Amino acid sequence: MNKLDNSPKIISLFSGCGGLDLGFHQEGYETVWANDFDHWACETFKKNIGDVIVEGDIEQIDPYDNNSIPDCDIVLGGFPCQDFSMIWKRPGLDGERGNLYKSFLRVVDAKKPKVFVAENVKGLLTANNKKAIKQIVSDFENIVPGYKVKVKLYNFADYGVPQLRERLLIVGIRSDIDFDFEHPNPTHSAKDDELLPHVTAGQALANIPSDAKNTEQQKLSPKTVEKLKLISAGGNFTDIPKDHPLYVKGMISHVYRRIHPDEPSKTIIAAGGGGTWGYHYPEPRSLNNRERARLQSFPDDFEFVGTMTQVRKQIGNAVPPQGVRELAKTLKKIFE
């Protein structure tokens, strides 16, 4: 990425392979410092976003030391959702993994960016009888000089991503900034004729170049191939008749899930055993990582580093860059 002297400067936390950063880079921002503890995600970030990522534990970095983290205009990051199964049982956010959330809070407190954007799972809205999200909003509002915080559940398919993926975006504007922020309206819809139609999985997977990276194909057993032949477009294991010898019982919905070419795909996941890789239609095979990357809206020149399983994890954990471009555009006005 080319450095732009007048571009808003990003500090990126829990960066992963850089999907959130990429969406903002595509709108003219620049990441000047990033952090993640996953080695292969850091290697991918370096290769595609820039050699500004520090591999290691964020809890071991003091954000109040100006020699450790530079100043910035905006802090981005998706703090791990595992925190919220723990911290709300203890006063003061002292849960076992609560420090990861508090690390994000500390960086915002130390750097006082004009804006922060935190991404998380839909379940955060209802975690601990809705106390979790209320506490988070309160914590950011109470950082001196305070932040005006607005929370919205996005379905990224409504913003041009060929995937039905719901994620929470928490946006804070520093209280001394005169800017009336509203989350951007959807650009795409399955029903509203005034908006663009959803991008389908079939459109997303078309015309992948023969020399594209990360196209290694998983080898499936003949038995799995035969199972897939019994499953319709957009279907899953429940399409297999109960009296069929290949019937499988009691699995979760994304097992043997095949894409529907005329709809956005279901959510791409990061890990899982047999039957969870996501499957092509009409070809009876698993999706390869370049196809997963396309469904996550990564461009073909974004090359992932690591084994097939490590790359799958990076893609499944990423924020789809296209999904946050409208937000990046909206926030850009603050810096102009």
C-alpha atoms as a PDB file:
ATOM      1  CA  MET A   1       0.000   0.000   0.000  1.00  0.00           C
ATOM      2  CA  ASN A   2       1.304   3.449  -0.895  1.00  0.00           C
ATOM      3  CA  LYS A   3       1.743   5.846   1.996  1.00  0.00           C
ATOM      4  CA  LEU A   4      -0.417   8.947   1.752  1.00  0.00           C
ATOM      5  CA  ASP A   5       0.747  11.928   3.802  1.00  0.00           C
ATOM      6  CA  ASN A   6      -2.744  13.399   4.134  1.00  0.00           C
ATOM      7  CA  SER A   7      -4.578  10.128   4.748  1.00  0.00           C
ATOM      8  CA  PRO A   8      -6.238   9.445   8.110  1.00  0.00           C
ATOM      9  CA  LYS A   9      -3.903   7.274  10.192  1.00  0.00           C
ATOM     10  CA  ILE A  10      -5.152   3.967  11.599  1.00  0.00           C
ATOM     11  CA  ILE A  11      -4.107   2.021  14.687  1.00  0.00           C
ATOM     12  CA  SER A  12      -5.373  -1.523  14.132  1.00  0.00           C
ATOM     13  CA  LEU A  13      -5.955  -3.972  17.000  1.00  0.00           C
ATOM     14  CA  PHE A  14      -6.811  -7.681  16.772  1.00  0.00           C
ATOM     15  CA  SER A  15      -6.049  -7.090  13.107  1.00  0.00           C
ATOM     16  CA  GLY A  16      -6.099 -10.656  11.792  1.00  0.00           C
ATOM     17  CA  CYS A  17      -5.187 -10.776   8.122  1.00  0.00           C
ATOM     18  CA  GLY A  18      -6.360  -7.178   7.627  1.00  0.00           C
ATOM     19  CA  GLY A  19      -9.907  -7.250   6.241  1.00  0.00           C
ATOM     20  CA  LEU A  20     -11.116  -4.270   8.279  1.00  0.00           C
ATOM     21  CA  ASP A  21      -7.961  -2.321   7.430  1.00  0.00           C
ATOM     22  CA  LEU A  22      -8.286  -3.151   3.739  1.00  0.00           C
ATOM     23  CA  GLY A  23     -11.801  -1.743   3.529  1.00  0.00           C
ATOM     24  CA  PHE A  24     -10.552   1.535   5.027  1.00  0.00           C
ATOM     25  CA  HIS A  25      -7.402   1.521   2.859  1.00  0.00           C
ATOM     26  CA  GLN A  26      -9.612   1.237  -0.213  1.00  0.00           C
ATOM     27  CA  GLU A  27     -11.168   4.546   0.859  1.00  0.00           C
ATOM     28  CA  GLY A  28      -7.839   6.333   1.362  1.00  0.00           C
ATOM     29  CA  TYR A  29      -6.836   5.599   4.967  1.00  0.00           C
ATOM     30  CA  GLU A  30      -3.421   4.287   6.061  1.00  0.00           C
ATOM     31  CA  THR A  31      -2.532   1.860   8.835  1.00  0.00           C
ATOM     32  CA  VAL A  32       0.558   3.033  10.741  1.00  0.00           C
ATOM     33  CA  TRP A  33       0.579   0.383  13.499  1.00  0.00           C
ATOM     34  CA  ALA A  34      -1.199  -2.927  13.968  1.00  0.00           C
ATOM     35  CA  ASN A  35      -1.177  -5.895  16.343  1.00  0.00           C
ATOM     36  CA  ASP A  36      -2.221  -9.534  16.388  1.00  0.00           C
ATOM     37  CA  PHE A  37      -0.914 -12.666  18.106  1.00  0.00           C
ATOM     38  CA  ASP A  38      -1.560 -15.113  15.227  1.00  0.00           C
ATOM     39  CA  HIS A  39       1.690 -15.599  13.306  1.00  0.00           C
ATOM     40  CA  TRP A  40       0.216 -16.508   9.931  1.00  0.00           C
ATOM     41  CA  ALA A  41      -2.360 -13.731  10.030  1.00  0.00           C
ATOM     42  CA  CYS A  42       0.499 -11.294  10.714  1.00  0.00           C
ATOM     43  CA  GLU A  43       2.428 -12.657   7.728  1.00  0.00           C
ATOM     44  CA  THR A  44      -0.611 -12.154   5.504  1.00  0.00           C
ATOM     45  CA  PHE A  45      -1.095  -8.629   6.872  1.00  0.00           C
ATOM     46  CA  LYS A  46       2.546  -7.766   6.148  1.00  0.00           C
ATOM     47  CA  LYS A  47       2.318  -9.094   2.611  1.00  0.00           C
ATOM     48  CA  ASN A  48      -0.840  -7.185   1.695  1.00  0.00           C
ATOM     49  CA  ILE A  49      -1.377  -4.213   4.017  1.00  0.00           C
ATOM     50  CA  GLY A  50       2.113  -3.235   5.160  1.00  0.00           C
ATOM     51  CA  ASP A  51       5.032  -4.162   7.411  1.00  0.00           C
ATOM     52  CA  VAL A  52       3.576  -2.263  10.363  1.00  0.00           C
ATOM     53  CA  ILE A  53       2.097  -5.141  12.343  1.00  0.00           C
ATOM     54  CA  VAL A  54       3.564  -6.180  15.694  1.00  0.00           C
ATOM     55  CA  GLU A  55       3.120  -9.878  16.427  1.00  0.00           C
ATOM     56  CA  GLY A  56       2.457 -10.512  20.101  1.00  0.00           C
ATOM     57  CA  ASP A  57       0.193 -10.138  23.103  1.00  0.00           C
ATOM     58  CA  ILE A  58      -1.533  -6.735  23.227  1.00  0.00           C
ATOM     59  CA  GLU A  59      -1.700  -7.013  27.011  1.00  0.00           C
ATOM     60  CA  GLN A  60       2.098  -6.766  27.107  1.00  0.00           C
ATOM     61  CA  ILE A  61       2.143  -3.440  25.242  1.00  0.00           C
ATOM     62  CA  ASP A  62       1.740  -0.144  27.117  1.00  0.00           C
ATOM     63  CA  PRO A  63      -0.337   2.216  24.942  1.00  0.00           C
ATOM     64  CA  TYR A  64       0.521   5.172  27.200  1.00  0.00           C
ATOM     65  CA  ASP A  65       4.177   4.845  26.150  1.00  0.00           C
ATOM     66  CA  ASN A  66       4.483   6.910  22.979  1.00  0.00           C
ATOM     67  CA  ASN A  67       7.458   4.810  21.929  1.00  0.00           C
ATOM     68  CA  SER A  68       5.288   1.687  21.683  1.00  0.00           C
ATOM     69  CA  ILE A  69       2.248   2.882  19.694  1.00  0.00           C
ATOM     70  CA  PRO A  70       2.232   6.012  17.506  1.00  0.00           C
ATOM     71  CA  ASP A  71      -0.519   8.626  17.508  1.00  0.00           C
ATOM     72  CA  CYS A  72      -3.439   8.099  15.150  1.00  0.00           C
ATOM     73  CA  ASP A  73      -6.716   9.492  13.855  1.00  0.00           C
ATOM     74  CA  ILE A  74      -8.775   6.305  14.167  1.00  0.00           C
ATOM     75  CA  VAL A  75      -8.562   3.019  16.080  1.00  0.00           C
ATOM     76  CA  LEU A  76     -10.011  -0.092  14.420  1.00  0.00           C
ATOM     77  CA  GLY A  77     -10.402  -3.603  15.735  1.00  0.00           C
ATOM     78  CA  GLY A  78     -12.538  -6.598  16.528  1.00  0.00           C
ATOM     79  CA  PHE A  79     -11.828  -7.546  20.117  1.00  0.00           C
ATOM     80  CA  PRO A  80     -12.402 -11.286  20.702  1.00  0.00           C
ATOM     81  CA  CYS A  81     -15.959 -12.268  21.488  1.00  0.00           C
ATOM     82  CA  GLN A  82     -14.851 -14.994  23.923  1.00  0.00           C
ATOM     83  CA  ASP A  83     -14.514 -12.243  26.526  1.00  0.00           C
ATOM     84  CA  PHE A  84     -18.237 -11.961  26.939  1.00  0.00           C
ATOM     85  CA  SER A  85     -18.782 -15.453  28.224  1.00  0.00           C
ATOM     86  CA  MET A  86     -16.580 -14.555  31.181  1.00  0.00           C
ATOM     87  CA  ILE A  87     -16.245 -10.933  32.169  1.00  0.00           C
ATOM     88  CA  TRP A  88     -19.829 -10.170  33.083  1.00  0.00           C
ATOM     89  CA  LYS A  89     -19.705 -12.625  35.975  1.00  0.00           C
ATOM     90  CA  ARG A  90     -17.165 -10.428  37.737  1.00  0.00           C
ATOM     91  CA  PRO A  91     -17.299  -6.750  38.737  1.00  0.00           C
ATOM     92  CA  GLY A  92     -14.841  -4.415  37.059  1.00  0.00           C
ATOM     93  CA  LEU A  93     -14.466  -6.425  33.846  1.00  0.00           C
ATOM     94  CA  ASP A  94     -11.975  -8.708  35.574  1.00  0.00           C
ATOM     95  CA  GLY A  95     -12.796 -11.854  33.637  1.00  0.00           C
ATOM     96  CA  GLU A  96     -10.151 -14.252  32.439  1.00  0.00           C
ATOM     97  CA  ARG A  97     -10.179 -12.781  28.916  1.00  0.00           C
ATOM     98  CA  GLY A  98     -11.645  -9.413  29.820  1.00  0.00           C
ATOM     99  CA  ASN A  99      -8.256  -7.785  29.442  1.00  0.00           C
ATOM    100  CA  LEU A 100      -8.538  -8.135  25.673  1.00  0.00           C
ATOM    101  CA  TYR A 101     -11.549  -5.859  25.642  1.00  0.00           C
ATOM    102  CA  LYS A 102      -9.867  -3.575  28.172  1.00  0.00           C
ATOM    103  CA  SER A 103      -6.788  -3.430  25.948  1.00  0.00           C
ATOM    104  CA  PHE A 104      -8.910  -1.924  23.164  1.00  0.00           C
ATOM    105  CA  LEU A 105     -10.392   0.513  25.674  1.00  0.00           C
ATOM    106  CA  ARG A 106      -6.925   1.459  26.976  1.00  0.00           C
ATOM    107  CA  VAL A 107      -5.581   2.178  23.485  1.00  0.00           C
ATOM    108  CA  VAL A 108      -8.540   4.463  22.773  1.00  0.00           C
ATOM    109  CA  ASP A 109      -8.008   6.170  26.144  1.00  0.00           C
ATOM    110  CA  ALA A 110      -4.270   6.583  25.529  1.00  0.00           C
ATOM    111  CA  LYS A 111      -4.425   7.763  21.914  1.00  0.00           C
ATOM    112  CA  LYS A 112      -7.650   9.781  22.047  1.00  0.00           C
ATOM    113  CA  PRO A 113      -8.399   9.185  18.337  1.00  0.00           C
ATOM    114  CA  LYS A 114     -11.114  11.230  16.688  1.00  0.00           C
ATOM    115  CA  VAL A 115     -12.922   7.976  15.908  1.00  0.00           C
ATOM    116  CA  PHE A 116     -12.905   4.321  16.878  1.00  0.00           C
ATOM    117  CA  VAL A 117     -14.619   1.373  15.161  1.00  0.00           C
ATOM    118  CA  ALA A 118     -15.033  -1.915  17.019  1.00  0.00           C
ATOM    119  CA  GLU A 119     -16.447  -5.021  15.322  1.00  0.00           C
ATOM    120  CA  ASN A 120     -18.035  -7.947  17.118  1.00  0.00           C
ATOM    121  CA  VAL A 121     -20.556 -10.756  16.860  1.00  0.00           C
ATOM    122  CA  LYS A 122     -24.330 -10.282  16.878  1.00  0.00           C
ATOM    123  CA  GLY A 123     -24.581 -12.105  20.214  1.00  0.00           C
ATOM    124  CA  LEU A 124     -22.934  -9.192  21.999  1.00  0.00           C
ATOM    125  CA  LEU A 125     -26.237  -7.298  21.707  1.00  0.00           C
ATOM    126  CA  THR A 126     -27.984  -9.758  24.007  1.00  0.00           C
ATOM    127  CA  ALA A 127     -25.052 -11.097  26.082  1.00  0.00           C
ATOM    128  CA  ASN A 128     -25.738 -11.172  29.821  1.00  0.00           C
ATOM    129  CA  ASN A 129     -29.249  -9.819  29.513  1.00  0.00           C
ATOM    130  CA  LYS A 130     -27.991  -6.913  27.397  1.00  0.00           C
ATOM    131  CA  LYS A 131     -25.690  -5.731  30.194  1.00  0.00           C
ATOM    132  CA  ALA A 132     -22.548  -6.351  28.119  1.00  0.00           C
ATOM    133  CA  ILE A 133     -23.256  -3.860  25.356  1.00  0.00           C
ATOM    134  CA  LYS A 134     -24.541  -1.265  27.845  1.00  0.00           C
ATOM    135  CA  GLN A 135     -21.303  -1.564  29.826  1.00  0.00           C
ATOM    136  CA  ILE A 136     -19.163  -1.245  26.701  1.00  0.00           C
ATOM    137  CA  VAL A 137     -21.000   1.858  25.490  1.00  0.00           C
ATOM    138  CA  SER A 138     -20.749   3.382  28.974  1.00  0.00           C
ATOM    139  CA  ASP A 139     -17.011   2.682  29.211  1.00  0.00           C
ATOM    140  CA  PHE A 140     -16.313   4.502  25.941  1.00  0.00           C
ATOM    141  CA  GLU A 141     -18.613   7.389  26.802  1.00  0.00           C
ATOM    142  CA  ASN A 142     -16.696   7.882  30.047  1.00  0.00           C
ATOM    143  CA  ILE A 143     -13.208   8.129  28.509  1.00  0.00           C
ATOM    144  CA  VAL A 144     -12.150  11.764  28.935  1.00  0.00           C
ATOM    145  CA  PRO A 145     -13.118  13.768  26.877  1.00  0.00           C
ATOM    146  CA  GLY A 146     -15.724  11.081  26.105  1.00  0.00           C
ATOM    147  CA  TYR A 147     -17.097   9.495  22.949  1.00  0.00           C
ATOM    148  CA  LYS A 148     -20.497   9.641  21.288  1.00  0.00           C
ATOM    149  CA  VAL A 149     -21.171   5.968  20.617  1.00  0.00           C
ATOM    150  CA  LYS A 150     -23.577   4.471  18.082  1.00  0.00           C
ATOM    151  CA  VAL A 151     -24.114   0.744  17.635  1.00  0.00           C
ATOM    152  CA  LYS A 152     -25.562  -0.956  14.558  1.00  0.00           C
ATOM    153  CA  LEU A 153     -26.048  -4.548  13.438  1.00  0.00           C
ATOM    154  CA  TYR A 154     -24.910  -4.815   9.820  1.00  0.00           C
ATOM    155  CA  ASN A 155     -25.780  -7.545   7.370  1.00  0.00           C
ATOM    156  CA  PHE A 156     -22.809  -7.163   5.048  1.00  0.00           C
ATOM    157  CA  ALA A 157     -24.809  -8.504   2.085  1.00  0.00           C
ATOM    158  CA  ASP A 158     -26.660  -5.169   2.265  1.00  0.00           C
ATOM    159  CA  TYR A 159     -23.352  -3.383   1.620  1.00  0.00           C
ATOM    160  CA  GLY A 160     -22.196  -5.330  -1.434  1.00  0.00           C
ATOM    161  CA  VAL A 161     -20.625  -8.448   0.107  1.00  0.00           C
ATOM    162  CA  PRO A 162     -21.766 -11.705  -1.549  1.00  0.00           C
ATOM    163  CA  GLN A 163     -22.462 -13.261   1.840  1.00  0.00           C
ATOM    164  CA  LEU A 164     -25.197 -13.095   4.493  1.00  0.00           C
ATOM    165  CA  ARG A 165     -22.971 -12.129   7.415  1.00  0.00           C
ATOM    166  CA  GLU A 166     -24.292 -10.227  10.430  1.00  0.00           C
ATOM    167  CA  ARG A 167     -21.827  -8.337  12.587  1.00  0.00           C
ATOM    168  CA  LEU A 168     -22.059  -5.547  15.123  1.00  0.00           C
ATOM    169  CA  LEU A 169     -20.187  -2.300  14.465  1.00  0.00           C
ATOM    170  CA  ILE A 170     -19.645   0.039  17.413  1.00  0.00           C
ATOM    171  CA  VAL A 171     -18.564   3.513  16.297  1.00  0.00           C
ATOM    172  CA  GLY A 172     -17.411   6.250  18.639  1.00  0.00           C
ATOM    173  CA  ILE A 173     -16.822   9.913  17.714  1.00  0.00           C
ATOM    174  CA  ARG A 174     -14.778  11.964  20.197  1.00  0.00           C
ATOM    175  CA  SER A 175     -17.173  14.336  21.943  1.00  0.00           C
ATOM    176  CA  ASP A 176     -15.258  17.495  20.984  1.00  0.00           C
ATOM    177  CA  ILE A 177     -15.620  16.669  17.269  1.00  0.00           C
ATOM    178  CA  ASP A 178     -18.505  18.551  15.661  1.00  0.00           C
ATOM    179  CA  PHE A 179     -19.864  15.758  13.479  1.00  0.00           C
ATOM    180  CA  ASP A 180     -23.346  14.289  13.533  1.00  0.00           C
ATOM    181  CA  PHE A 181     -22.564  10.662  12.748  1.00  0.00           C
ATOM    182  CA  GLU A 182     -25.141   8.203  11.473  1.00  0.00           C
ATOM    183  CA  HIS A 183     -24.329   4.696  10.298  1.00  0.00           C
ATOM    184  CA  PRO A 184     -24.550   4.517   6.489  1.00  0.00           C
ATOM    185  CA  ASN A 185     -27.695   3.146   4.902  1.00  0.00           C
ATOM    186  CA  PRO A 186     -27.565  -0.107   2.922  1.00  0.00           C
ATOM    187  CA  THR A 187     -26.541   0.041  -0.707  1.00  0.00           C
ATOM    188  CA  HIS A 188     -27.902  -3.377  -1.718  1.00  0.00           C
ATOM    189  CA  SER A 189     -31.141  -5.259  -1.106  1.00  0.00           C
ATOM    190  CA  ALA A 190     -33.014  -8.399  -2.119  1.00  0.00           C
ATOM    191  CA  LYS A 191     -36.349  -6.505  -2.061  1.00  0.00           C
ATOM    192  CA  ASP A 192     -35.858  -2.747  -2.508  1.00  0.00           C
ATOM    193  CA  ASP A 193     -35.782  -1.899  -6.218  1.00  0.00           C
ATOM    194  CA  GLU A 194     -34.225   1.485  -5.471  1.00  0.00           C
ATOM    195  CA  LEU A 195     -31.060  -0.221  -4.207  1.00  0.00           C
ATOM    196  CA  LEU A 196     -28.621  -2.452  -6.029  1.00  0.00           C
ATOM    197  CA  PRO A 197     -29.463  -6.166  -5.956  1.00  0.00           C
ATOM    198  CA  HIS A 198     -27.492  -8.402  -3.609  1.00  0.00           C
ATOM    199  CA  VAL A 199     -24.281  -9.766  -5.092  1.00  0.00           C
ATOM    200  CA  THR A 200     -24.759 -13.516  -5.482  1.00  0.00           C
ATOM    201  CA  ALA A 201     -22.352 -16.329  -4.741  1.00  0.00           C
ATOM    202  CA  GLY A 202     -22.487 -17.289  -8.412  1.00  0.00           C
ATOM    203  CA  GLN A 203     -21.378 -13.798  -9.451  1.00  0.00           C
ATOM    204  CA  ALA A 204     -18.640 -13.779  -6.827  1.00  0.00           C
ATOM    205  CA  LEU A 205     -17.151 -17.113  -7.888  1.00  0.00           C
ATOM    206  CA  ALA A 206     -17.189 -16.467 -11.632  1.00  0.00           C
ATOM    207  CA  ASN A 207     -14.016 -16.129 -13.690  1.00  0.00           C
ATOM    208  CA  ILE A 208     -11.362 -16.786 -11.063  1.00  0.00           C
ATOM    209  CA  PRO A 209      -8.025 -16.526 -12.931  1.00  0.00           C
ATOM    210  CA  SER A 210      -6.199 -19.795 -13.510  1.00  0.00           C
ATOM    211  CA  ASP A 211      -3.069 -18.360 -11.885  1.00  0.00           C
ATOM    212  CA  ALA A 212      -4.850 -17.043  -8.766  1.00  0.00           C
ATOM    213  CA  LYS A 213      -3.245 -17.837  -5.406  1.00  0.00           C
ATOM    214  CA  ASN A 214      -4.822 -19.919  -2.609  1.00  0.00           C
ATOM    215  CA  THR A 215      -6.755 -22.187  -4.986  1.00  0.00           C
ATOM    216  CA  GLU A 216      -5.520 -25.507  -3.555  1.00  0.00           C
ATOM    217  CA  GLN A 217      -8.386 -27.977  -3.557  1.00  0.00           C
ATOM    218  CA  GLN A 218      -9.309 -30.141  -0.601  1.00  0.00           C
ATOM    219  CA  LYS A 219      -9.466 -33.854  -1.361  1.00  0.00           C
ATOM    220  CA  LEU A 220     -12.859 -35.325  -0.546  1.00  0.00           C
ATOM    221  CA  SER A 221     -13.677 -38.968   0.042  1.00  0.00           C
ATOM    222  CA  PRO A 222     -15.909 -40.618  -2.587  1.00  0.00           C
ATOM    223  CA  LYS A 223     -18.560 -40.972   0.136  1.00  0.00           C
ATOM    224  CA  THR A 224     -18.597 -37.198   0.752  1.00  0.00           C
ATOM    225  CA  VAL A 225     -18.878 -36.521  -2.990  1.00  0.00           C
ATOM    226  CA  GLU A 226     -21.904 -38.811  -3.146  1.00  0.00           C
ATOM    227  CA  LYS A 227     -23.481 -36.975  -0.197  1.00  0.00           C
ATOM    228  CA  LEU A 228     -23.024 -33.630  -1.954  1.00  0.00           C
ATOM    229  CA  LYS A 229     -24.742 -34.956  -5.068  1.00  0.00           C
ATOM    230  CA  LEU A 230     -27.863 -35.464  -2.946  1.00  0.00           C
ATOM    231  CA  ILE A 231     -27.898 -31.832  -1.728  1.00  0.00           C
ATOM    232  CA  SER A 232     -29.555 -29.049  -3.710  1.00  0.00           C
ATOM    233  CA  ALA A 233     -28.347 -25.497  -4.295  1.00  0.00           C
ATOM    234  CA  GLY A 234     -28.365 -23.659  -0.967  1.00  0.00           C
ATOM    235  CA  GLY A 235     -29.196 -26.867   0.887  1.00  0.00           C
ATOM    236  CA  ASN A 236     -27.397 -28.775   3.602  1.00  0.00           C
ATOM    237  CA  PHE A 237     -27.227 -32.251   5.155  1.00  0.00           C
ATOM    238  CA  THR A 238     -30.976 -32.224   5.791  1.00  0.00           C
ATOM    239  CA  ASP A 239     -31.551 -32.698   2.044  1.00  0.00           C
ATOM    240  CA  ILE A 240     -30.307 -36.274   2.360  1.00  0.00           C
ATOM    241  CA  PRO A 241     -33.361 -38.565   2.802  1.00  0.00           C
ATOM    242  CA  LYS A 242     -33.621 -40.208   6.211  1.00  0.00           C
ATOM    243  CA  ASP A 243     -33.879 -43.647   4.639  1.00  0.00           C
ATOM    244  CA  HIS A 244     -30.743 -43.141   2.517  1.00  0.00           C
ATOM    245  CA  PRO A 245     -27.565 -45.052   3.471  1.00  0.00           C
ATOM    246  CA  LEU A 246     -25.637 -41.732   3.479  1.00  0.00           C
ATOM    247  CA  TYR A 247     -28.064 -39.959   5.822  1.00  0.00           C
ATOM    248  CA  VAL A 248     -26.346 -38.004   8.589  1.00  0.00           C
ATOM    249  CA  LYS A 249     -28.127 -37.125  11.822  1.00  0.00           C
ATOM    250  CA  GLY A 250     -28.163 -34.294  14.335  1.00  0.00           C
ATOM    251  CA  MET A 251     -25.707 -31.834  12.819  1.00  0.00           C
ATOM    252  CA  ILE A 252     -25.676 -28.026  12.776  1.00  0.00           C
ATOM    253  CA  SER A 253     -27.021 -26.135   9.761  1.00  0.00           C
ATOM    254  CA  HIS A 254     -23.763 -25.304   8.025  1.00  0.00           C
ATOM    255  CA  VAL A 255     -22.751 -28.978   7.732  1.00  0.00           C
ATOM    256  CA  TYR A 256     -22.570 -29.915   4.021  1.00  0.00           C
ATOM    257  CA  ARG A 257     -24.009 -26.475   3.202  1.00  0.00           C
ATOM    258  CA  ARG A 258     -23.792 -25.793  -0.550  1.00  0.00           C
ATOM    259  CA  ILE A 259     -23.879 -22.341  -2.067  1.00  0.00           C
ATOM    260  CA  HIS A 260     -26.906 -21.177  -4.016  1.00  0.00           C
ATOM    261  CA  PRO A 261     -25.532 -19.492  -7.163  1.00  0.00           C
ATOM    262  CA  ASP A 262     -28.409 -16.990  -7.267  1.00  0.00           C
ATOM    263  CA  GLU A 263     -28.138 -15.801  -3.652  1.00  0.00           C
ATOM    264  CA  PRO A 264     -25.410 -14.482  -1.344  1.00  0.00           C
ATOM    265  CA  SER A 265     -23.677 -17.327   0.447  1.00  0.00           C
ATOM    266  CA  LYS A 266     -24.363 -18.189   4.065  1.00  0.00           C
ATOM    267  CA  THR A 267     -21.733 -17.048   6.597  1.00  0.00           C
ATOM    268  CA  ILE A 268     -18.192 -18.263   5.911  1.00  0.00           C
ATOM    269  CA  ILE A 269     -16.801 -19.827   9.090  1.00  0.00           C
ATOM    270  CA  ALA A 270     -13.199 -20.070  10.266  1.00  0.00           C
ATOM    271  CA  ALA A 271     -12.860 -23.639  11.499  1.00  0.00           C
ATOM    272  CA  GLY A 272     -14.596 -26.951  11.973  1.00  0.00           C
ATOM    273  CA  GLY A 273     -14.298 -30.597  11.139  1.00  0.00           C
ATOM    274  CA  GLY A 274     -15.918 -32.782   8.533  1.00  0.00           C
ATOM    275  CA  GLY A 275     -18.662 -31.236   6.479  1.00  0.00           C
ATOM    276  CA  THR A 276     -18.072 -27.620   7.591  1.00  0.00           C
ATOM    277  CA  TRP A 277     -15.855 -26.310   4.801  1.00  0.00           C
ATOM    278  CA  GLY A 278     -18.640 -24.857   2.668  1.00  0.00           C
ATOM    279  CA  TYR A 279     -19.411 -26.475  -0.674  1.00  0.00           C
ATOM    280  CA  HIS A 280     -19.712 -25.507  -4.282  1.00  0.00           C
ATOM    281  CA  TYR A 281     -22.756 -25.849  -6.498  1.00  0.00           C
ATOM    282  CA  PRO A 282     -23.108 -27.376  -9.060  1.00  0.00           C
ATOM    283  CA  GLU A 283     -19.681 -28.985  -8.622  1.00  0.00           C
ATOM    284  CA  PRO A 284     -19.683 -31.594  -5.797  1.00  0.00           C
ATOM    285  CA  ARG A 285     -16.627 -30.287  -3.944  1.00  0.00           C
ATOM    286  CA  SER A 286     -15.590 -28.016  -1.109  1.00  0.00           C
ATOM    287  CA  LEU A 287     -14.894 -24.357  -1.774  1.00  0.00           C
ATOM    288  CA  ASN A 288     -11.230 -23.493  -2.058  1.00  0.00           C
ATOM    289  CA  ASN A 289      -9.723 -20.596  -0.131  1.00  0.00           C
ATOM    290  CA  ARG A 290      -9.742 -18.197  -3.070  1.00  0.00           C
ATOM    291  CA  GLU A 291     -13.458 -18.824  -3.435  1.00  0.00           C
ATOM    292  CA  ARG A 292     -13.931 -18.216   0.278  1.00  0.00           C
ATOM    293  CA  ALA A 293     -11.910 -15.020  -0.078  1.00  0.00           C
ATOM    294  CA  ARG A 294     -14.143 -13.891  -2.947  1.00  0.00           C
ATOM    295  CA  LEU A 295     -17.244 -14.529  -0.813  1.00  0.00           C
ATOM    296  CA  GLN A 296     -15.565 -12.350   1.830  1.00  0.00           C
ATOM    297  CA  SER A 297     -14.961  -9.655  -0.867  1.00  0.00           C
ATOM    298  CA  PHE A 298     -11.150  -9.881  -0.869  1.00  0.00           C
ATOM    299  CA  PRO A 299      -9.560  -9.000  -4.235  1.00  0.00           C
ATOM    300  CA  ASP A 300      -7.671 -11.703  -6.107  1.00  0.00           C
ATOM    301  CA  ASP A 301      -4.311  -9.965  -5.566  1.00  0.00           C
ATOM    302  CA  PHE A 302      -4.710 -10.339  -1.789  1.00  0.00           C
ATOM    303  CA  GLU A 303      -2.534 -13.399  -1.135  1.00  0.00           C
ATOM    304  CA  PHE A 304      -2.951 -15.342   2.110  1.00  0.00           C
ATOM    305  CA  VAL A 305       0.072 -16.957   3.795  1.00  0.00           C
ATOM    306  CA  GLY A 306      -0.031 -20.324   5.578  1.00  0.00           C
ATOM    307  CA  THR A 307      -1.423 -23.825   5.184  1.00  0.00           C
ATOM    308  CA  MET A 308      -4.878 -24.457   3.751  1.00  0.00           C
ATOM    309  CA  THR A 309      -6.337 -24.712   7.291  1.00  0.00           C
ATOM    310  CA  GLN A 310      -4.497 -21.600   8.524  1.00  0.00           C
ATOM    311  CA  VAL A 311      -5.699 -19.595   5.519  1.00  0.00           C
ATOM    312  CA  ARG A 312      -9.267 -20.823   6.004  1.00  0.00           C
ATOM    313  CA  LYS A 313      -9.099 -19.543   9.591  1.00  0.00           C
ATOM    314  CA  GLN A 314      -7.830 -16.122   8.501  1.00  0.00           C
ATOM    315  CA  ILE A 315     -10.561 -15.722   5.889  1.00  0.00           C
ATOM    316  CA  GLY A 316     -13.348 -16.915   8.178  1.00  0.00           C
ATOM    317  CA  ASN A 317     -12.279 -14.588  10.997  1.00  0.00           C
ATOM    318  CA  ALA A 318     -11.906 -11.534   8.750  1.00  0.00           C
ATOM    319  CA  VAL A 319     -14.167  -8.537   8.353  1.00  0.00           C
ATOM    320  CA  PRO A 320     -15.197  -8.424   4.663  1.00  0.00           C
ATOM    321  CA  PRO A 321     -13.515  -5.259   3.344  1.00  0.00           C
ATOM    322  CA  GLN A 322     -16.365  -4.308   1.000  1.00  0.00           C
ATOM    323  CA  GLY A 323     -18.755  -4.366   3.953  1.00  0.00           C
ATOM    324  CA  VAL A 324     -17.087  -1.433   5.720  1.00  0.00           C
ATOM    325  CA  ARG A 325     -16.293   0.812   2.747  1.00  0.00           C
ATOM    326  CA  GLU A 326     -19.517   2.838   3.114  1.00  0.00           C
ATOM    327  CA  LEU A 327     -18.684   3.372   6.792  1.00  0.00           C
ATOM    328  CA  ALA A 328     -15.142   4.425   5.881  1.00  0.00           C
ATOM    329  CA  LYS A 329     -16.543   6.917   3.348  1.00  0.00           C
ATOM    330  CA  THR A 330     -18.964   8.343   5.920  1.00  0.00           C
ATOM    331  CA  LEU A 331     -16.224   8.787   8.534  1.00  0.00           C
ATOM    332  CA  LYS A 332     -13.779  10.288   6.017  1.00  0.00           C
ATOM    333  CA  LYS A 333     -15.693  13.574   6.202  1.00  0.00           C
ATOM    334  CA  ILE A 334     -14.432  14.036   9.743  1.00  0.00           C
ATOM    335  CA  PHE A 335     -10.837  14.144   8.536  1.00  0.00           C
ATOM    336  CA  GLU A 336     -11.515  16.463   5.600  1.00  0.00           C
END
